[in-house]
Amino acid sequence: MGATGDGSDGRDRWQRRYAAARKRDADFTTVSGLEVDPVYGPPPGAVVPGFERIGWPGEYPFTRGLYPTGYRGRTWTIRQFSGFGNAAATNERYKMLLQAGGGGLSVAFDMPTLMGRDSDDPRSAGEVGHCGVAIDSTADMDALFAGIPLADVTTSMTISGPAVPVFCMYLAAAQRQGADIAKLDGTLQTDIFKEYIAQKEWLFPPQPHLRLIGDLMEYCAAHIPAYKPLSVSGYHIREAGATAAQELAFTLADGFGYVELGLSRGLDVNEFAPGLSFFFDAHVDFFEEIAKFRAARRIWARWLRDVYGATSERAQWLRFHTQTAGVSLTAQQPELNVVRTAIEALAAVLGGTNSLHTNALDEVLALPSEHAAEIALRTQQVIMEETGVVNVADPLGGSWYLEALTDRLEAEAEQVFTRIRELSPDGSMTGGILRGIEDGWFTAEIAEASFAYQQQVEKGNKRIVGVNCYTDTVEHPVEILRVSHEVEVGQVRVVRERKARRDPAAVSAALAELVAAARSDVNMIPPMIAAASAEATLGEICGALRAEWGSYVEAPAF
């Protein structure tokens, strides 16, 4: 589509690409049996000023999606985030989700694991297995995926601070299964920028974390090409109180920082950029969220092409996973969370998400019960199978309201990018992010937005059903999942037994090799895999690196 806004050439290009693409064998008619076109746009010969910013599905700037077929080619992956208790209990939940129609696994870890601590660490007391699964060593990874061939399922792991050693345990477990690690597929979060900005689960100062991420990017590019080693996460930024525009801008800025990291390692942007993916929040403001997703694709494609020199389409693609907004769930009248989640999931789908997690109705109270997890899964399946939204690519594209929102969010994001680069001593996005973290700029921006929203809720200007309006209800208590203290007792016992059984000399040697690599410019992934294979625990690996690199302490802000 050229600058003239003439829809004919673009439609013809789209038609050729659509005809050549693989389509699912499915019924693409309405409930009433009406035939629908796979895409809608300006009629042939029409001139629509600025249409090049909207375009056609499958072509730059990808506002309307990455593929000419939309979901007619393939639907999004149903990837339910799950983990609790010990590895054996979570393994049972994974098998239930896969049997019920889940398309991939997404691992939730407990707090000690997220902080790089072993379950028998005194600082882990009371937290083992409560907000996710406890993973102390490769033996736990073996149990987590027992009976689930890792070569045949895509696996996402939501962890950033100790992401690299946990990934090495995953690789060691895959090798024990006999899998060819070169063929593994999935996503590792690894996004340390968002930890400093929002979630606050870091281990080391920024530079050592970036060293590990750079080594991981190099290793995956060379040895595991299908695996995406970095999922840039806006979800936690939004959950911390950011606006949609801040989530969009801060997340994409972080992504640009990782692009600059890859380039600094001498990697080809056309080779490593397809290994970057994104993770966004789907909040309850339906149209704003759809616009946010569309703006994200457009901004990423333009910056990758015009700023970072990516020439391949795949390097310009922004692929993203979405999770419905945990912060939108309410403890009051929790059954209404099913409605909120369905609306948010529909927004993610209409925005073109590539995979999706739907929150369970009881997650505001505890980890999901099996019944609530099944309802969350079925919510996606109802959207996929019954609503008809998969029949047409970007069905809301061209809406005056939606396109105006998309443009507005893009413009606001560009203003933020300018501000971040102004913070940088060298004008780079990475330098601006690091300075913004050090100075507390990101934290302050999010805190101000969160405070403003809360004021609107307390004044009643922003209404939340069951919280500040329509509060009368018929009491119906929800049964929640409770993780027994016996899980922690058992996990601590098992960890200590494993430490007693293993070869201590092999563990010590492997950790020494890892520290030696940290002191040099050798890629740290191979010695870390060796340490994981020797059953060095997560706490031991992270502890050895903490001793070498130190810990990070955030500057206080008032």
Protein backbone atom coordinates (compact mmCIF):
# COMPACT_ATOMS: atom_id res chain seq x y z
CA MET A 1 0.00 0.00 0.00
CA GLY A 2 1.54 3.27 -1.01
CA ALA A 3 1.19 6.77 0.38
CA THR A 4 -1.74 7.47 -1.93
CA GLY A 5 -4.04 5.30 0.18
CA ASP A 6 -5.26 3.44 -2.92
CA GLY A 7 -6.64 0.13 -1.61
CA SER A 8 -6.46 -1.82 -4.90
CA ASP A 9 -2.75 -2.67 -5.00
CA GLY A 10 -2.71 -3.63 -1.34
CA ARG A 11 -5.76 -5.85 -1.70
CA ASP A 12 -4.19 -7.60 -4.68
CA ARG A 13 -0.97 -8.20 -2.74
CA TRP A 14 -2.89 -9.52 0.21
CA GLN A 15 -4.98 -11.80 -2.03
CA ARG A 16 -1.87 -13.40 -3.54
CA ARG A 17 -0.36 -14.04 -0.13
CA TYR A 18 -3.62 -15.35 1.28
CA ALA A 19 -4.06 -17.74 -1.64
CA ALA A 20 -0.55 -19.13 -1.12
CA ALA A 21 -0.91 -19.59 2.66
CA ARG A 22 -2.10 -22.69 4.44
CA LYS A 23 -5.60 -22.48 5.91
CA ARG A 24 -7.25 -24.58 8.59
CA ASP A 25 -9.92 -27.05 7.51
CA ALA A 26 -12.79 -25.32 9.31
CA ASP A 27 -16.18 -23.72 8.76
CA PHE A 28 -15.74 -19.96 8.31
CA THR A 29 -19.41 -18.97 8.24
CA THR A 30 -21.61 -17.21 10.78
CA VAL A 31 -23.94 -19.11 13.11
CA SER A 32 -26.68 -18.40 10.55
CA GLY A 33 -24.56 -19.88 7.76
CA LEU A 34 -23.56 -16.62 6.08
CA GLU A 35 -20.28 -16.65 4.17
CA VAL A 36 -17.78 -14.06 5.42
CA ASP A 37 -14.66 -12.78 3.72
CA PRO A 38 -11.30 -13.51 5.33
CA VAL A 39 -10.57 -9.76 5.55
CA TYR A 40 -12.37 -6.48 5.02
CA GLY A 41 -10.97 -3.17 3.85
CA PRO A 42 -11.56 -0.31 1.42
CA PRO A 43 -13.47 -1.30 -1.73
CA PRO A 44 -11.40 -1.66 -4.92
CA GLY A 45 -10.37 1.73 -6.26
CA ALA A 46 -11.15 3.60 -3.04
CA VAL A 47 -8.66 6.14 -1.78
CA VAL A 48 -8.32 6.25 2.01
CA PRO A 49 -5.78 8.83 3.20
CA GLY A 50 -3.35 7.31 5.68
CA PHE A 51 -4.45 3.74 4.96
CA GLU A 52 -0.80 2.69 4.73
CA ARG A 53 -0.70 2.94 8.55
CA ILE A 54 -3.52 0.38 8.75
CA GLY A 55 -2.68 -1.78 5.74
CA TRP A 56 -3.57 -5.39 5.15
CA PRO A 57 -2.91 -8.42 7.36
CA GLY A 58 0.49 -9.96 6.83
CA GLU A 59 2.28 -6.90 5.49
CA TYR A 60 4.28 -4.03 6.96
CA PRO A 61 3.58 -2.36 9.35
CA PHE A 62 1.56 -5.37 10.56
CA THR A 63 -1.06 -3.25 12.32
CA ARG A 64 -3.67 -5.81 11.29
CA GLY A 65 -1.62 -8.88 12.16
CA LEU A 66 1.41 -10.85 11.11
CA TYR A 67 -0.29 -13.31 8.79
CA PRO A 68 -2.51 -12.75 5.73
CA THR A 69 -4.82 -15.50 6.96
CA GLY A 70 -5.33 -14.16 10.47
CA TYR A 71 -6.63 -17.02 12.61
CA ARG A 72 -7.82 -18.89 9.53
CA GLY A 73 -4.26 -20.12 9.18
CA ARG A 74 -3.77 -21.07 12.80
CA THR A 75 -5.44 -20.01 16.01
CA TRP A 76 -3.62 -18.67 19.01
CA THR A 77 -1.94 -21.15 21.36
CA ILE A 78 -3.92 -21.83 24.54
CA ARG A 79 -1.14 -21.60 27.11
CA GLN A 80 -2.44 -21.75 30.67
CA PHE A 81 0.01 -20.49 33.31
CA SER A 82 0.19 -23.07 36.09
CA GLY A 83 2.35 -24.24 38.94
CA PHE A 84 1.87 -24.98 42.64
CA GLY A 85 3.26 -27.14 45.39
CA ASN A 86 5.92 -29.56 44.25
CA ALA A 87 6.86 -30.75 40.78
CA ALA A 88 4.79 -33.94 40.99
CA ALA A 89 1.57 -32.06 41.83
CA THR A 90 2.14 -29.55 39.05
CA ASN A 91 2.89 -32.36 36.60
CA GLU A 92 -0.60 -33.73 37.26
CA ARG A 93 -2.15 -30.31 36.56
CA TYR A 94 -0.16 -30.03 33.29
CA LYS A 95 -1.44 -33.38 32.12
CA MET A 96 -5.00 -32.30 32.94
CA LEU A 97 -4.60 -29.06 30.96
CA LEU A 98 -3.07 -30.82 27.96
CA GLN A 99 -5.78 -33.48 27.99
CA ALA A 100 -8.45 -30.76 28.19
CA GLY A 101 -7.13 -29.08 25.04
CA GLY A 102 -4.28 -26.82 26.15
CA GLY A 103 -1.76 -26.21 23.38
CA GLY A 104 1.36 -25.52 25.43
CA LEU A 105 2.69 -25.30 28.96
CA SER A 106 3.50 -22.18 30.97
CA VAL A 107 5.38 -22.69 34.21
CA ALA A 108 4.64 -20.59 37.31
CA PHE A 109 7.38 -20.73 39.95
CA ASP A 110 7.19 -20.15 43.68
CA MET A 111 8.82 -17.13 45.34
CA PRO A 112 12.01 -18.86 46.54
CA THR A 113 12.64 -20.09 43.00
CA LEU A 114 11.94 -16.63 41.57
CA MET A 115 14.54 -15.22 43.97
CA GLY A 116 17.14 -17.91 43.27
CA ARG A 117 16.81 -19.54 46.70
CA ASP A 118 16.60 -23.22 47.60
CA SER A 119 13.60 -24.54 49.48
CA ASP A 120 15.76 -25.33 52.52
CA ASP A 121 17.08 -21.75 52.70
CA PRO A 122 15.78 -20.17 55.94
CA ARG A 123 14.56 -17.20 53.88
CA SER A 124 12.23 -19.55 51.96
CA ALA A 125 10.24 -20.55 55.03
CA GLY A 126 6.49 -20.23 54.51
CA GLU A 127 6.74 -19.60 50.75
CA VAL A 128 7.65 -22.97 49.28
CA GLY A 129 5.12 -24.04 46.64
CA HIS A 130 2.62 -21.28 47.41
CA CYS A 131 2.61 -18.95 44.39
CA GLY A 132 4.00 -21.54 41.97
CA VAL A 133 6.01 -24.71 41.79
CA ALA A 134 9.21 -25.21 43.77
CA ILE A 135 12.21 -25.99 41.55
CA ASP A 136 15.48 -26.61 43.36
CA SER A 137 17.45 -28.70 40.88
CA THR A 138 17.29 -30.59 37.61
CA ALA A 139 15.70 -33.51 39.46
CA ASP A 140 12.67 -31.30 40.04
CA MET A 141 12.57 -30.49 36.33
CA ASP A 142 12.62 -34.23 35.63
CA ALA A 143 9.56 -34.67 37.86
CA LEU A 144 7.84 -31.55 36.50
CA PHE A 145 7.84 -32.91 32.96
CA ALA A 146 7.60 -36.64 33.68
CA GLY A 147 5.59 -38.28 30.92
CA ILE A 148 5.53 -35.04 28.89
CA PRO A 149 8.03 -35.22 26.01
CA LEU A 150 9.69 -31.80 25.91
CA ALA A 151 10.53 -32.28 22.24
CA ASP A 152 6.80 -32.38 21.44
CA VAL A 153 5.38 -29.50 23.49
CA THR A 154 6.16 -25.79 23.59
CA THR A 155 7.10 -24.64 27.07
CA SER A 156 7.02 -21.12 28.45
CA MET A 157 8.71 -20.30 31.75
CA THR A 158 7.75 -17.10 33.56
CA ILE A 159 10.91 -16.25 35.46
CA SER A 160 13.51 -13.53 35.03
CA GLY A 161 16.07 -13.11 37.83
CA PRO A 162 17.30 -16.74 37.83
CA ALA A 163 15.91 -17.47 34.37
CA VAL A 164 19.20 -18.60 32.88
CA PRO A 165 20.08 -21.27 35.48
CA VAL A 166 16.46 -22.51 35.49
CA PHE A 167 16.62 -22.76 31.69
CA CYS A 168 19.84 -24.75 31.97
CA MET A 169 18.04 -27.18 34.29
CA TYR A 170 15.28 -27.44 31.68
CA LEU A 171 17.90 -28.24 29.01
CA ALA A 172 19.52 -30.84 31.26
CA ALA A 173 16.12 -32.45 31.87
CA ALA A 174 15.40 -32.48 28.13
CA GLN A 175 18.73 -34.20 27.49
CA ARG A 176 17.87 -36.82 30.12
CA GLN A 177 14.63 -37.46 28.22
CA GLY A 178 16.72 -38.06 25.10
CA ALA A 179 15.44 -34.93 23.35
CA ASP A 180 17.49 -33.13 20.72
CA ILE A 181 17.78 -29.71 22.36
CA ALA A 182 18.26 -28.11 18.94
CA LYS A 183 14.58 -28.86 18.29
CA LEU A 184 13.13 -27.51 21.54
CA ASP A 185 10.55 -24.78 21.23
CA GLY A 186 9.13 -22.35 23.74
CA THR A 187 9.80 -19.08 25.52
CA LEU A 188 11.82 -17.99 28.52
CA GLN A 189 10.88 -14.67 30.09
CA THR A 190 14.40 -13.50 31.12
CA ASP A 191 13.33 -9.82 31.05
CA ILE A 192 15.39 -8.23 33.81
CA PHE A 193 14.54 -4.63 32.87
CA LYS A 194 10.92 -5.08 33.98
CA GLU A 195 12.12 -6.50 37.29
CA TYR A 196 13.96 -3.29 38.11
CA ILE A 197 11.05 -1.24 36.77
CA ALA A 198 8.07 -3.04 38.29
CA GLN A 199 8.24 -6.55 39.74
CA LYS A 200 11.40 -6.17 41.86
CA GLU A 201 12.64 -9.78 41.63
CA TRP A 202 16.29 -9.34 40.65
CA LEU A 203 19.45 -11.08 41.84
CA PHE A 204 22.43 -9.07 40.65
CA PRO A 205 23.25 -5.53 39.50
CA PRO A 206 22.04 -4.73 35.94
CA GLN A 207 25.29 -5.31 34.05
CA PRO A 208 25.82 -8.94 35.18
CA HIS A 209 22.18 -9.69 34.39
CA LEU A 210 22.66 -8.25 30.90
CA ARG A 211 25.83 -10.34 30.53
CA LEU A 212 23.84 -13.50 31.21
CA ILE A 213 21.06 -12.46 28.82
CA GLY A 214 23.57 -11.71 26.07
CA ASP A 215 25.19 -15.13 26.56
CA LEU A 216 21.76 -16.77 26.42
CA MET A 217 20.84 -14.94 23.21
CA GLU A 218 24.09 -16.06 21.60
CA TYR A 219 23.67 -19.65 22.74
CA CYS A 220 20.08 -20.01 21.57
CA ALA A 221 20.85 -18.39 18.22
CA ALA A 222 23.63 -20.93 17.66
CA HIS A 223 22.15 -24.08 19.21
CA ILE A 224 18.36 -23.81 19.80
CA PRO A 225 17.07 -21.66 16.93
CA ALA A 226 13.34 -22.23 17.52
CA TYR A 227 13.47 -21.34 21.21
CA LYS A 228 12.74 -17.73 22.13
CA PRO A 229 15.19 -16.83 24.91
CA LEU A 230 13.62 -13.53 25.89
CA SER A 231 9.99 -12.51 26.38
CA VAL A 232 9.81 -8.78 27.00
CA SER A 233 7.14 -8.37 29.63
CA GLY A 234 4.71 -5.50 29.93
CA TYR A 235 2.33 -7.57 32.03
CA HIS A 236 4.02 -6.84 35.35
CA ILE A 237 4.44 -3.17 34.46
CA ARG A 238 0.68 -2.88 33.93
CA GLU A 239 -0.12 -4.89 37.03
CA ALA A 240 2.04 -2.48 39.04
CA GLY A 241 -0.33 0.35 38.07
CA ALA A 242 0.89 1.64 34.71
CA THR A 243 -1.54 2.98 32.12
CA ALA A 244 -2.01 1.23 28.78
CA ALA A 245 0.26 3.81 27.11
CA GLN A 246 2.96 3.34 29.75
CA GLU A 247 2.76 -0.44 29.45
CA LEU A 248 3.13 -0.11 25.69
CA ALA A 249 5.99 2.38 25.82
CA PHE A 250 8.04 0.93 28.67
CA THR A 251 7.73 -2.60 27.27
CA LEU A 252 8.77 -1.70 23.75
CA ALA A 253 11.61 0.48 25.07
CA ASP A 254 12.86 -2.55 27.02
CA GLY A 255 12.62 -4.56 23.81
CA PHE A 256 14.70 -1.98 21.96
CA GLY A 257 17.26 -2.21 24.77
CA TYR A 258 17.57 -5.96 24.20
CA VAL A 259 17.93 -5.36 20.46
CA GLU A 260 20.82 -3.02 21.26
CA LEU A 261 22.29 -5.74 23.52
CA GLY A 262 22.17 -8.25 20.67
CA LEU A 263 23.76 -5.80 18.26
CA SER A 264 26.53 -5.06 20.79
CA ARG A 265 27.32 -8.79 20.76
CA GLY A 266 27.78 -8.67 17.00
CA LEU A 267 24.61 -10.65 16.32
CA ASP A 268 22.67 -10.13 13.09
CA VAL A 269 19.38 -8.41 13.88
CA ASN A 270 17.66 -10.43 11.17
CA GLU A 271 18.78 -13.60 12.96
CA PHE A 272 18.22 -12.79 16.64
CA ALA A 273 15.21 -10.45 16.56
CA PRO A 274 12.77 -13.28 15.68
CA GLY A 275 13.83 -14.87 18.99
CA LEU A 276 12.40 -11.94 20.93
CA SER A 277 8.76 -12.18 21.94
CA PHE A 278 6.48 -10.07 24.14
CA PHE A 279 4.08 -10.59 27.02
CA PHE A 280 1.25 -8.11 27.48
CA ASP A 281 -1.60 -7.57 29.90
CA ALA A 282 -5.18 -7.60 28.62
CA HIS A 283 -7.10 -5.20 30.85
CA VAL A 284 -10.84 -4.62 30.97
CA ASP A 285 -11.10 -1.47 28.77
CA PHE A 286 -12.00 -3.41 25.65
CA PHE A 287 -11.14 -1.04 22.80
CA GLU A 288 -8.08 0.51 24.45
CA GLU A 289 -6.53 -2.93 24.81
CA ILE A 290 -7.18 -3.89 21.18
CA ALA A 291 -5.65 -0.58 20.07
CA LYS A 292 -2.63 -1.18 22.32
CA PHE A 293 -1.85 -4.52 20.68
CA ARG A 294 -2.21 -3.11 17.17
CA ALA A 295 -0.04 -0.09 18.00
CA ALA A 296 2.63 -2.38 19.49
CA ARG A 297 3.01 -4.30 16.22
CA ARG A 298 3.20 -1.12 14.18
CA ILE A 299 5.77 0.60 16.42
CA TRP A 300 7.99 -2.47 16.66
CA ALA A 301 8.02 -3.05 12.91
CA ARG A 302 8.91 0.58 12.18
CA TRP A 303 11.67 0.82 14.77
CA LEU A 304 13.21 -2.52 13.83
CA ARG A 305 13.27 -1.50 10.17
CA ASP A 306 14.14 2.18 10.38
CA VAL A 307 16.26 2.40 13.54
CA TYR A 308 17.88 -1.03 13.88
CA GLY A 309 18.14 -2.01 10.21
CA ALA A 310 16.10 -5.21 10.15
CA THR A 311 15.32 -6.13 6.55
CA SER A 312 13.49 -9.44 6.99
CA GLU A 313 9.78 -9.53 7.80
CA ARG A 314 10.28 -12.03 10.64
CA ALA A 315 12.71 -9.67 12.34
CA GLN A 316 10.09 -6.90 12.15
CA TRP A 317 7.33 -9.08 13.61
CA LEU A 318 6.14 -8.49 17.14
CA ARG A 319 4.83 -11.80 18.43
CA PHE A 320 3.18 -11.72 21.81
CA HIS A 321 1.56 -13.74 24.55
CA THR A 322 -1.27 -12.22 26.55
CA GLN A 323 -2.55 -12.83 30.05
CA THR A 324 -5.80 -11.38 31.24
CA ALA A 325 -5.44 -8.75 33.97
CA GLY A 326 -4.96 -10.21 37.41
CA VAL A 327 -5.26 -6.73 38.86
CA SER A 328 -8.81 -6.43 37.47
CA LEU A 329 -10.04 -9.44 39.46
CA THR A 330 -12.04 -8.77 42.61
CA ALA A 331 -12.41 -10.69 45.86
CA GLN A 332 -15.95 -9.31 46.04
CA GLN A 333 -18.43 -11.34 43.96
CA PRO A 334 -15.58 -13.43 42.48
CA GLU A 335 -17.85 -15.20 39.98
CA LEU A 336 -17.90 -11.92 38.04
CA ASN A 337 -14.22 -12.49 37.32
CA VAL A 338 -15.30 -15.02 34.70
CA VAL A 339 -17.04 -12.18 32.84
CA ARG A 340 -14.08 -9.83 33.17
CA THR A 341 -11.69 -12.52 31.98
CA ALA A 342 -13.85 -13.35 28.96
CA ILE A 343 -13.98 -9.69 27.90
CA GLU A 344 -10.23 -9.29 28.33
CA ALA A 345 -9.50 -12.50 26.46
CA LEU A 346 -11.74 -11.39 23.59
CA ALA A 347 -9.82 -8.10 23.42
CA ALA A 348 -6.55 -10.01 23.21
CA VAL A 349 -7.88 -12.16 20.39
CA LEU A 350 -9.27 -9.19 18.45
CA GLY A 351 -5.86 -7.56 18.94
CA GLY A 352 -4.18 -10.56 17.31
CA THR A 353 -2.47 -12.32 20.22
CA ASN A 354 -0.31 -15.34 19.37
CA SER A 355 -0.93 -17.15 22.64
CA LEU A 356 -3.18 -16.56 25.61
CA HIS A 357 -3.63 -17.32 29.29
CA THR A 358 -7.01 -16.70 30.91
CA ASN A 359 -7.08 -16.09 34.66
CA ALA A 360 -9.26 -18.19 36.90
CA LEU A 361 -12.09 -16.67 38.93
CA ASP A 362 -10.43 -17.49 42.26
CA GLU A 363 -6.91 -16.22 41.51
CA VAL A 364 -7.50 -13.07 43.54
CA LEU A 365 -7.90 -15.36 46.56
CA ALA A 366 -5.43 -18.20 45.93
CA LEU A 367 -3.87 -20.33 43.25
CA PRO A 368 -6.57 -21.70 40.94
CA SER A 369 -8.54 -24.74 41.93
CA GLU A 370 -8.81 -27.44 39.28
CA HIS A 371 -12.45 -26.49 38.63
CA ALA A 372 -11.62 -22.79 38.22
CA ALA A 373 -8.66 -23.61 35.97
CA GLU A 374 -10.94 -25.64 33.72
CA ILE A 375 -13.45 -22.76 33.44
CA ALA A 376 -10.58 -20.43 32.48
CA LEU A 377 -9.46 -22.86 29.80
CA ARG A 378 -13.01 -23.33 28.50
CA THR A 379 -13.39 -19.54 28.25
CA GLN A 380 -10.74 -19.52 25.54
CA GLN A 381 -12.31 -22.48 23.81
CA VAL A 382 -15.73 -20.79 23.71
CA ILE A 383 -14.15 -17.71 22.11
CA MET A 384 -12.27 -19.88 19.63
CA GLU A 385 -15.06 -22.27 18.67
CA GLU A 386 -18.34 -20.36 19.10
CA THR A 387 -17.96 -16.62 18.55
CA GLY A 388 -16.79 -16.47 14.93
CA VAL A 389 -13.98 -14.02 15.73
CA VAL A 390 -11.46 -16.39 14.14
CA ASN A 391 -13.16 -16.14 10.74
CA VAL A 392 -11.95 -12.64 9.81
CA ALA A 393 -8.51 -11.08 10.22
CA ASP A 394 -8.59 -7.89 12.33
CA PRO A 395 -12.40 -7.61 12.13
CA LEU A 396 -12.46 -4.20 13.84
CA GLY A 397 -9.79 -2.69 11.58
CA GLY A 398 -10.95 0.56 10.00
CA SER A 399 -13.21 1.50 12.89
CA TRP A 400 -12.87 5.25 13.35
CA TYR A 401 -12.74 4.86 17.11
CA LEU A 402 -10.28 1.98 17.12
CA GLU A 403 -7.93 3.58 14.60
CA ALA A 404 -7.98 6.89 16.53
CA LEU A 405 -7.10 5.03 19.75
CA THR A 406 -4.32 3.12 17.98
CA ASP A 407 -2.83 6.37 16.67
CA ARG A 408 -3.16 8.05 20.07
CA LEU A 409 -1.40 5.26 21.93
CA GLU A 410 1.37 5.18 19.34
CA ALA A 411 1.92 8.93 19.67
CA GLU A 412 2.04 8.72 23.48
CA ALA A 413 4.55 5.88 23.28
CA GLU A 414 6.79 7.87 20.96
CA GLN A 415 6.85 10.73 23.47
CA VAL A 416 8.00 8.29 26.15
CA PHE A 417 10.74 6.90 23.88
CA THR A 418 12.05 10.41 23.37
CA ARG A 419 12.12 11.00 27.12
CA ILE A 420 13.96 7.74 27.82
CA ARG A 421 16.62 8.47 25.22
CA GLU A 422 17.06 11.94 26.71
CA LEU A 423 17.94 10.26 30.01
CA SER A 424 20.78 8.37 28.35
CA PRO A 425 24.36 9.70 28.40
CA ASP A 426 24.92 8.31 24.89
CA GLY A 427 21.41 8.67 23.46
CA SER A 428 20.80 4.91 23.39
CA MET A 429 17.62 3.30 24.61
CA THR A 430 19.65 0.96 26.85
CA GLY A 431 21.46 3.86 28.49
CA GLY A 432 18.18 5.64 29.11
CA ILE A 433 16.58 2.57 30.65
CA LEU A 434 19.51 2.03 33.00
CA ARG A 435 19.52 5.68 34.05
CA GLY A 436 15.74 5.63 34.52
CA ILE A 437 16.06 2.55 36.74
CA GLU A 438 18.90 4.06 38.76
CA ASP A 439 17.10 7.37 39.25
CA GLY A 440 13.74 5.78 40.05
CA TRP A 441 12.08 7.49 37.07
CA PHE A 442 10.10 4.44 35.93
CA THR A 443 8.93 3.66 39.46
CA ALA A 444 7.78 7.24 39.98
CA GLU A 445 5.87 7.33 36.68
CA ILE A 446 4.02 4.11 37.49
CA ALA A 447 3.30 5.19 41.07
CA GLU A 448 1.79 8.46 39.88
CA ALA A 449 -0.45 6.68 37.36
CA SER A 450 -1.52 4.10 39.94
CA PHE A 451 -2.35 6.80 42.51
CA ALA A 452 -4.40 8.77 39.98
CA TYR A 453 -6.44 5.68 39.06
CA GLN A 454 -7.05 4.75 42.69
CA GLN A 455 -8.33 8.24 43.39
CA GLN A 456 -10.81 7.84 40.54
CA VAL A 457 -12.00 4.52 41.99
CA GLU A 458 -12.42 5.98 45.48
CA LYS A 459 -14.36 8.96 44.12
CA GLY A 460 -16.59 6.60 42.16
CA ASN A 461 -15.61 8.04 38.79
CA LYS A 462 -14.19 4.67 37.77
CA ARG A 463 -16.77 2.06 38.72
CA ILE A 464 -15.97 -1.54 39.62
CA VAL A 465 -18.98 -3.80 39.97
CA GLY A 466 -19.15 -5.37 43.42
CA VAL A 467 -16.53 -2.98 44.81
CA ASN A 468 -17.86 0.57 44.58
CA CYS A 469 -21.21 -0.10 42.89
CA TYR A 470 -23.80 -2.91 42.83
CA THR A 471 -22.38 -4.30 46.05
CA ASP A 472 -25.52 -6.11 47.23
CA THR A 473 -25.21 -9.81 46.51
CA VAL A 474 -26.25 -13.31 47.48
CA GLU A 475 -23.40 -14.78 49.49
CA HIS A 476 -21.74 -17.71 47.75
CA PRO A 477 -18.33 -18.59 49.21
CA VAL A 478 -15.75 -19.92 46.77
CA GLU A 479 -13.72 -22.96 47.71
CA ILE A 480 -10.07 -22.25 47.09
CA LEU A 481 -6.92 -24.31 46.65
CA ARG A 482 -4.77 -24.45 49.76
CA VAL A 483 -1.18 -25.63 49.57
CA SER A 484 -0.44 -27.69 52.66
CA HIS A 485 2.55 -26.89 54.84
CA GLU A 486 3.46 -30.54 54.33
CA VAL A 487 4.51 -29.62 50.78
CA GLU A 488 7.25 -27.40 52.17
CA VAL A 489 8.29 -30.00 54.73
CA GLY A 490 8.51 -32.64 52.01
CA GLN A 491 10.35 -30.43 49.55
CA VAL A 492 12.94 -29.41 52.14
CA ARG A 493 13.50 -33.06 53.06
CA VAL A 494 13.93 -34.06 49.40
CA VAL A 495 16.39 -31.25 48.70
CA ARG A 496 18.55 -32.24 51.63
CA GLU A 497 18.45 -35.91 50.64
CA ARG A 498 19.54 -35.05 47.09
CA LYS A 499 22.42 -32.94 48.37
CA ALA A 500 23.56 -35.86 50.53
CA ARG A 501 23.36 -38.39 47.64
CA ARG A 502 25.11 -36.48 44.84
CA ASP A 503 28.84 -36.32 44.09
CA PRO A 504 30.05 -33.26 46.03
CA ALA A 505 33.36 -33.11 44.14
CA ALA A 506 31.53 -32.95 40.80
CA VAL A 507 29.25 -30.17 42.07
CA SER A 508 32.18 -28.14 43.43
CA ALA A 509 34.13 -28.54 40.20
CA ALA A 510 31.14 -27.52 38.09
CA LEU A 511 30.50 -24.41 40.21
CA ALA A 512 34.20 -23.50 40.03
CA GLU A 513 34.06 -23.74 36.22
CA LEU A 514 31.00 -21.51 36.23
CA VAL A 515 32.70 -18.84 38.33
CA ALA A 516 35.78 -19.01 36.10
CA ALA A 517 33.54 -18.38 33.10
CA ALA A 518 31.95 -15.41 34.90
CA ARG A 519 35.42 -13.91 35.33
CA SER A 520 36.18 -14.22 31.62
CA ASP A 521 34.35 -13.50 28.37
CA VAL A 522 33.49 -17.19 27.84
CA ASN A 523 29.82 -17.92 27.19
CA MET A 524 28.40 -19.03 30.53
CA ILE A 525 25.63 -21.31 29.26
CA PRO A 526 27.67 -24.53 28.72
CA PRO A 527 29.26 -24.50 32.21
CA MET A 528 25.87 -23.68 33.71
CA ILE A 529 24.30 -26.67 31.95
CA ALA A 530 27.14 -28.79 33.33
CA ALA A 531 26.42 -27.53 36.85
CA ALA A 532 22.72 -28.29 36.43
CA SER A 533 23.52 -31.78 35.14
CA ALA A 534 25.70 -32.36 38.22
CA GLU A 535 22.63 -31.52 40.38
CA ALA A 536 23.97 -28.23 41.67
CA THR A 537 20.93 -26.51 43.13
CA LEU A 538 19.48 -23.22 42.01
CA GLY A 539 20.52 -21.61 45.28
CA GLU A 540 24.09 -22.84 44.87
CA ILE A 541 24.39 -21.59 41.30
CA CYS A 542 22.87 -18.19 42.09
CA GLY A 543 24.83 -17.99 45.34
CA ALA A 544 28.13 -18.55 43.55
CA LEU A 545 27.29 -15.74 41.11
CA ARG A 546 26.08 -13.44 43.89
CA ALA A 547 29.41 -13.93 45.63
CA GLU A 548 31.17 -12.96 42.39
CA TRP A 549 28.95 -10.12 41.20
CA GLY A 550 27.27 -8.84 44.34
CA SER A 551 23.59 -8.06 44.90
CA TYR A 552 21.57 -5.08 43.73
CA VAL A 553 19.94 -2.70 46.19
CA GLU A 554 17.36 -0.28 44.85
CA ALA A 555 17.82 3.38 45.69
CA PRO A 556 15.09 4.48 48.14
CA ALA A 557 12.37 6.78 46.82
CA PHE A 558 9.93 8.86 48.88
